C-alpha atoms as a PDB file:
ATOM      1  CA  UNK A   1      -0.283  -0.217  -0.158  1.00  0.00           C
ATOM      2  CA  UNK A   2       1.303   3.421  -0.890  1.00  0.00           C
ATOM      3  CA  UNK A   3       0.826   4.889   2.652  1.00  0.00           C
ATOM      4  CA  UNK A   4       3.121   2.015   4.332  1.00  0.00           C
ATOM      5  CA  UNK A   5       5.900   2.330   1.748  1.00  0.00           C
ATOM      6  CA  UNK A   6       8.134   5.025   3.768  1.00  0.00           C
ATOM      7  CA  UNK A   7       7.698   3.004   7.012  1.00  0.00           C
ATOM      8  CA  UNK A   8       8.811  -0.102   5.344  1.00  0.00           C
ATOM      9  CA  UNK A   9      11.586   1.453   3.867  1.00  0.00           C
ATOM     10  CA  UNK A  10      12.087   2.943   7.868  1.00  0.00           C
ATOM     11  CA  UNK A  11      11.833  -0.891   8.791  1.00  0.00           C
ATOM     12  CA  UNK A  12      15.145  -1.341   6.387  1.00  0.00           C
ATOM     13  CA  UNK A  13      16.892   1.686   7.144  1.00  0.00           C
ATOM     14  CA  UNK A  14      16.988   0.473  10.479  1.00  0.00           C
ATOM     15  CA  UNK A  15      17.567  -3.041   9.803  1.00  0.00           C
ATOM     16  CA  UNK A  16      20.469  -1.751   7.979  1.00  0.00           C
ATOM     17  CA  UNK A  17      21.685   0.648  10.643  1.00  0.00           C
ATOM     18  CA  UNK A  18      21.923  -2.032  13.257  1.00  0.00           C
ATOM     19  CA  UNK A  19      23.741  -4.568  10.993  1.00  0.00           C
ATOM     20  CA  UNK A  20      20.690  -6.748  10.199  1.00  0.00           C
ATOM     21  CA  UNK A  21      19.983  -8.462   7.159  1.00  0.00           C
ATOM     22  CA  UNK A  22      17.289  -7.212   5.352  1.00  0.00           C
ATOM     23  CA  UNK A  23      15.532 -10.478   5.554  1.00  0.00           C
ATOM     24  CA  UNK A  24      12.829  -9.452   2.488  1.00  0.00           C
ATOM     25  CA  UNK A  25      10.858 -12.562   1.070  1.00  0.00           C
ATOM     26  CA  UNK A  26      10.424 -10.681  -2.320  1.00  0.00           C
ATOM     27  CA  UNK A  27      14.266 -11.298  -3.182  1.00  0.00           C
ATOM     28  CA  UNK A  28      14.659 -15.079  -2.017  1.00  0.00           C
ATOM     29  CA  UNK A  29      11.928 -15.499  -5.424  1.00  0.00           C
ATOM     30  CA  UNK A  30      14.046 -12.839  -7.975  1.00  0.00           C
ATOM     31  CA  UNK A  31      15.307 -14.409 -11.100  1.00  0.00           C
ATOM     32  CA  UNK A  32      14.352 -16.180 -14.147  1.00  0.00           C
ATOM     33  CA  UNK A  33      14.417 -19.270 -12.875  1.00  0.00           C
ATOM     34  CA  UNK A  34      12.302 -18.680  -9.261  1.00  0.00           C
ATOM     35  CA  UNK A  35      10.148 -15.675 -10.276  1.00  0.00           C
ATOM     36  CA  UNK A  36       7.176 -17.502 -10.602  1.00  0.00           C
ATOM     37  CA  UNK A  37       7.469 -19.606  -6.650  1.00  0.00           C
ATOM     38  CA  UNK A  38       6.527 -18.644  -3.426  1.00  0.00           C
ATOM     39  CA  UNK A  39       9.151 -17.895  -0.995  1.00  0.00           C
ATOM     40  CA  UNK A  40      10.149 -20.547   1.324  1.00  0.00           C
ATOM     41  CA  UNK A  41      12.251 -22.085   3.709  1.00  0.00           C
ATOM     42  CA  UNK A  42      14.479 -23.258   1.132  1.00  0.00           C
ATOM     43  CA  UNK A  43      14.865 -20.411  -0.730  1.00  0.00           C
ATOM     44  CA  UNK A  44      15.875 -18.503   2.406  1.00  0.00           C
ATOM     45  CA  UNK A  45      18.846 -21.362   1.968  1.00  0.00           C
ATOM     46  CA  UNK A  46      20.436 -20.453  -1.592  1.00  0.00           C
ATOM     47  CA  UNK A  47      23.556 -18.654  -0.533  1.00  0.00           C
ATOM     48  CA  UNK A  48      24.058 -18.651  -4.518  1.00  0.00           C
ATOM     49  CA  UNK A  49      21.254 -16.269  -5.048  1.00  0.00           C
ATOM     50  CA  UNK A  50      22.936 -12.578  -4.765  1.00  0.00           C
ATOM     51  CA  UNK A  51      19.688 -11.337  -4.018  1.00  0.00           C
ATOM     52  CA  UNK A  52      18.741 -13.496  -0.807  1.00  0.00           C
ATOM     53  CA  UNK A  53      18.689 -11.227   1.661  1.00  0.00           C
ATOM     54  CA  UNK A  54      18.491 -13.980   4.328  1.00  0.00           C
ATOM     55  CA  UNK A  55      22.122 -15.416   3.230  1.00  0.00           C
ATOM     56  CA  UNK A  56      23.838 -12.378   2.204  1.00  0.00           C
ATOM     57  CA  UNK A  57      24.113  -8.667   4.330  1.00  0.00           C
ATOM     58  CA  UNK A  58      23.114  -5.362   3.081  1.00  0.00           C
ATOM     59  CA  UNK A  59      20.868  -4.799   0.105  1.00  0.00           C
ATOM     60  CA  UNK A  60      21.007  -6.468  -2.915  1.00  0.00           C
ATOM     61  CA  UNK A  61      22.986  -5.939  -6.077  1.00  0.00           C
ATOM     62  CA  UNK A  62      20.219  -4.034  -7.684  1.00  0.00           C
ATOM     63  CA  UNK A  63      16.436  -3.173  -7.475  1.00  0.00           C
ATOM     64  CA  UNK A  64      14.184  -6.584  -7.188  1.00  0.00           C
ATOM     65  CA  UNK A  65      11.315  -4.892  -9.942  1.00  0.00           C
ATOM     66  CA  UNK A  66      10.810  -1.891 -11.421  1.00  0.00           C
ATOM     67  CA  UNK A  67      10.637   0.563  -8.264  1.00  0.00           C
ATOM     68  CA  UNK A  68       7.433   2.807  -8.687  1.00  0.00           C
ATOM     69  CA  UNK A  69       7.885   6.865  -7.838  1.00  0.00           C
ATOM     70  CA  UNK A  70       6.018   6.186  -4.581  1.00  0.00           C
ATOM     71  CA  UNK A  71       8.693   3.677  -3.343  1.00  0.00           C
ATOM     72  CA  UNK A  72      11.516   5.480  -4.540  1.00  0.00           C
ATOM     73  CA  UNK A  73      10.065   8.548  -2.638  1.00  0.00           C
ATOM     74  CA  UNK A  74      10.041   6.619   0.621  1.00  0.00           C
ATOM     75  CA  UNK A  75      13.298   5.058   0.417  1.00  0.00           C
ATOM     76  CA  UNK A  76      14.641   8.801  -0.061  1.00  0.00           C
ATOM     77  CA  UNK A  77      12.711   9.799   2.994  1.00  0.00           C
ATOM     78  CA  UNK A  78      11.809   6.895   5.162  1.00  0.00           C
ATOM     79  CA  UNK A  79       9.458   7.140   8.172  1.00  0.00           C
ATOM     80  CA  UNK A  80      10.755   7.936  11.709  1.00  0.00           C
ATOM     81  CA  UNK A  81       9.545   4.181  13.321  1.00  0.00           C
ATOM     82  CA  UNK A  82      11.033   2.151  15.984  1.00  0.00           C
ATOM     83  CA  UNK A  83       9.992  -1.100  14.058  1.00  0.00           C
ATOM     84  CA  UNK A  84      12.435  -3.547  12.852  1.00  0.00           C
ATOM     85  CA  UNK A  85      10.238  -6.161  11.153  1.00  0.00           C
ATOM     86  CA  UNK A  86       7.008  -6.297   8.792  1.00  0.00           C
ATOM     87  CA  UNK A  87       4.733  -9.185   7.607  1.00  0.00           C
ATOM     88  CA  UNK A  88       1.642  -9.167   4.723  1.00  0.00           C
ATOM     89  CA  UNK A  89      -1.038  -9.638   6.370  1.00  0.00           C
ATOM     90  CA  UNK A  90      -2.241 -11.852   3.094  1.00  0.00           C
ATOM     91  CA  UNK A  91      -5.867 -10.977   3.922  1.00  0.00           C
ATOM     92  CA  UNK A  92      -6.350  -9.678   0.808  1.00  0.00           C
ATOM     93  CA  UNK A  93      -5.746  -5.957   1.828  1.00  0.00           C
ATOM     94  CA  UNK A  94      -2.167  -5.412   0.918  1.00  0.00           C
ATOM     95  CA  UNK A  95      -1.605  -3.778   4.382  1.00  0.00           C
ATOM     96  CA  UNK A  96       1.060  -5.216   7.032  1.00  0.00           C
ATOM     97  CA  UNK A  97       1.912  -6.082  10.396  1.00  0.00           C
ATOM     98  CA  UNK A  98       5.249  -3.799  11.965  1.00  0.00           C
ATOM     99  CA  UNK A  99       6.617  -4.970  15.455  1.00  0.00           C
ATOM    100  CA  UNK A 100       9.434  -3.176  17.387  1.00  0.00           C
ATOM    101  CA  UNK A 101      10.602  -6.589  18.535  1.00  0.00           C
ATOM    102  CA  UNK A 102      11.017  -9.687  17.126  1.00  0.00           C
ATOM    103  CA  UNK A 103       8.640 -11.549  19.774  1.00  0.00           C
ATOM    104  CA  UNK A 104       5.699  -9.260  18.775  1.00  0.00           C
ATOM    105  CA  UNK A 105       6.990 -10.027  14.959  1.00  0.00           C
ATOM    106  CA  UNK A 106       6.756 -13.774  15.566  1.00  0.00           C
ATOM    107  CA  UNK A 107       3.002 -13.253  17.049  1.00  0.00           C
ATOM    108  CA  UNK A 108       1.822 -11.589  13.511  1.00  0.00           C
ATOM    109  CA  UNK A 109       3.681 -13.892  11.809  1.00  0.00           C
ATOM    110  CA  UNK A 110       1.420 -16.355  13.388  1.00  0.00           C
ATOM    111  CA  UNK A 111      -1.756 -14.297  13.713  1.00  0.00           C
ATOM    112  CA  UNK A 112      -1.537 -13.307   9.827  1.00  0.00           C
ATOM    113  CA  UNK A 113       0.141 -16.229   8.113  1.00  0.00           C
ATOM    114  CA  UNK A 114      -1.249 -19.168   9.827  1.00  0.00           C
END
């Protein structure tokens, strides 16, 4: 959702500032061999994928899509937030749940993905 882009950018900025890996699921299946797949645990273990932000620290070597204006503006002006995690709610809304702690994030994952 466009209004969440600055908050997501803020989360990613916070993770980078703390030396955390980004761990963003869409990076797991970026590439001609996997683009149609749903991110899965086996993708997280694939250290040969240069876009895998679970296996590799820092930013991917290039954008994982053709980012739109809203995403680019959010990257330049991330929201100030304490959140370090987010998860898609998968309720057809396109919205996300944000969390400051890993425990809160795990609860959001249980609530929205299981």
